[in-house]
Each structure stands twice: as C-alpha cells, then as structure tokens.
Amino acid sequence: MNEFYLLTKDDCGLCKVAITQLYQTQLDEPISLHMVDITQDPALLLEYGAIVPVLVRAHDDAELKWPFEAEKLKDFLTA
C-alpha cells in the first residue's frame, strides 16, 4: 500500500477541500493517508506554513503542492 502524508494546519479551508478531493479520487489500489499538522513542528511550519496543503509521497518524498489538478493528483497517487 502506498503511503502519503498530507501537510495541514488548523482552520485550513483548502486542506479540507484537498482531503475531500483525495477521498473522491478513484484508484485501483488503496492508499494510506497520514495527516501531519505542521503547527506541531516549527521547521515544517516555517517551510510550509504559507503553502499548505501539500501532499508528500512517502517512498520518494516527492511533493504535490496545492492546487491539486485531478489528473496530476491521480498520476501522483499512482506513481
């Protein structure tokens, strides 16, 4: 199962939209999605605070930054 990390923070409206989009993406194989609250880590907050949501693929640390276009998101999730 492919693992992904969604970098988020509290009261992030775009993060909620991103989560909905992730759950609505039709995939042949399931993924494991972990939520990461960047406010719990000062380094992550500094690096990603202005650009969340960001989706990180665990096996190669590749990042997909918002906005998630439907085809790019599916390609990212299945790579």
Protein backbone atom coordinates (compact mmCIF):
# COMPACT_ATOMS: atom_id res chain seq x y z
CA MET A 1 0.00 0.00 0.00
CA ASN A 2 1.36 3.42 -0.96
CA GLU A 3 1.76 5.85 1.91
CA PHE A 4 1.18 9.59 1.70
CA TYR A 5 1.36 12.49 4.12
CA LEU A 6 -0.93 15.49 3.83
CA LEU A 7 0.64 18.53 5.40
CA THR A 8 -2.11 20.62 7.00
CA LYS A 9 -2.82 23.11 9.75
CA ASP A 10 -5.84 24.04 11.83
CA ASP A 11 -8.53 26.16 10.22
CA CYS A 12 -7.20 25.48 6.71
CA GLY A 13 -10.17 25.56 4.37
CA LEU A 14 -8.07 24.45 1.40
CA CYS A 15 -6.88 21.45 3.43
CA LYS A 16 -10.48 20.33 3.87
CA VAL A 17 -11.07 20.67 0.13
CA ALA A 18 -7.87 18.67 -0.52
CA ILE A 19 -8.99 15.86 1.80
CA THR A 20 -12.34 15.67 0.02
CA GLN A 21 -10.59 15.60 -3.35
CA LEU A 22 -8.28 12.80 -2.18
CA TYR A 23 -11.20 10.67 -1.00
CA GLN A 24 -13.07 11.24 -4.26
CA THR A 25 -10.15 10.16 -6.46
CA GLN A 26 -10.86 6.76 -7.99
CA LEU A 27 -7.84 4.47 -7.58
CA ASP A 28 -7.20 0.82 -8.41
CA GLU A 29 -5.15 0.33 -5.23
CA PRO A 30 -5.88 1.85 -1.81
CA ILE A 31 -3.50 4.35 -0.26
CA SER A 32 -2.57 5.07 3.32
CA LEU A 33 -3.04 8.76 4.13
CA HIS A 34 -1.47 10.32 7.21
CA MET A 35 -2.37 13.82 8.32
CA VAL A 36 0.53 15.98 9.53
CA ASP A 37 -0.29 19.15 11.48
CA ILE A 38 2.63 21.40 10.59
CA THR A 39 1.96 23.67 13.58
CA GLN A 40 3.40 20.94 15.81
CA ASP A 41 6.85 21.27 14.20
CA PRO A 42 8.46 24.73 13.91
CA ALA A 43 10.62 23.66 10.94
CA LEU A 44 7.60 22.38 9.00
CA LEU A 45 5.61 25.48 9.88
CA LEU A 46 8.40 27.71 8.60
CA GLU A 47 8.79 25.77 5.35
CA TYR A 48 5.13 25.00 4.55
CA GLY A 49 3.08 27.49 6.58
CA ALA A 50 2.11 29.63 3.59
CA ILE A 51 1.60 26.83 1.07
CA VAL A 52 -0.44 24.06 2.73
CA PRO A 53 -1.95 21.75 1.74
CA VAL A 54 0.99 19.77 0.41
CA LEU A 55 0.82 16.05 -0.36
CA VAL A 56 4.03 14.08 0.20
CA ARG A 57 4.64 10.62 -1.26
CA ALA A 58 6.46 8.54 1.36
CA HIS A 59 8.55 6.27 -0.86
CA ASP A 60 10.40 9.11 -2.61
CA ASP A 61 9.48 12.28 -0.66
CA ALA A 62 8.01 13.83 -3.81
CA GLU A 63 5.65 16.73 -3.14
CA LEU A 64 2.45 17.84 -4.81
CA LYS A 65 1.56 21.40 -3.89
CA TRP A 66 -1.91 22.90 -3.95
CA PRO A 67 -3.92 23.21 -6.14
CA PHE A 68 -4.32 19.52 -6.94
CA GLU A 69 -5.46 19.20 -10.55
CA ALA A 70 -7.45 15.97 -10.88
CA GLU A 71 -5.20 14.24 -13.42
CA LYS A 72 -1.95 15.33 -11.76
CA LEU A 73 -3.28 14.14 -8.40
CA LYS A 74 -4.19 10.72 -9.78
CA ASP A 75 -0.82 10.41 -11.51
CA PHE A 76 0.94 11.42 -8.28
CA LEU A 77 -1.01 8.88 -6.23
CA THR A 78 -0.33 6.03 -8.65
CA ALA A 79 3.36 6.69 -9.40
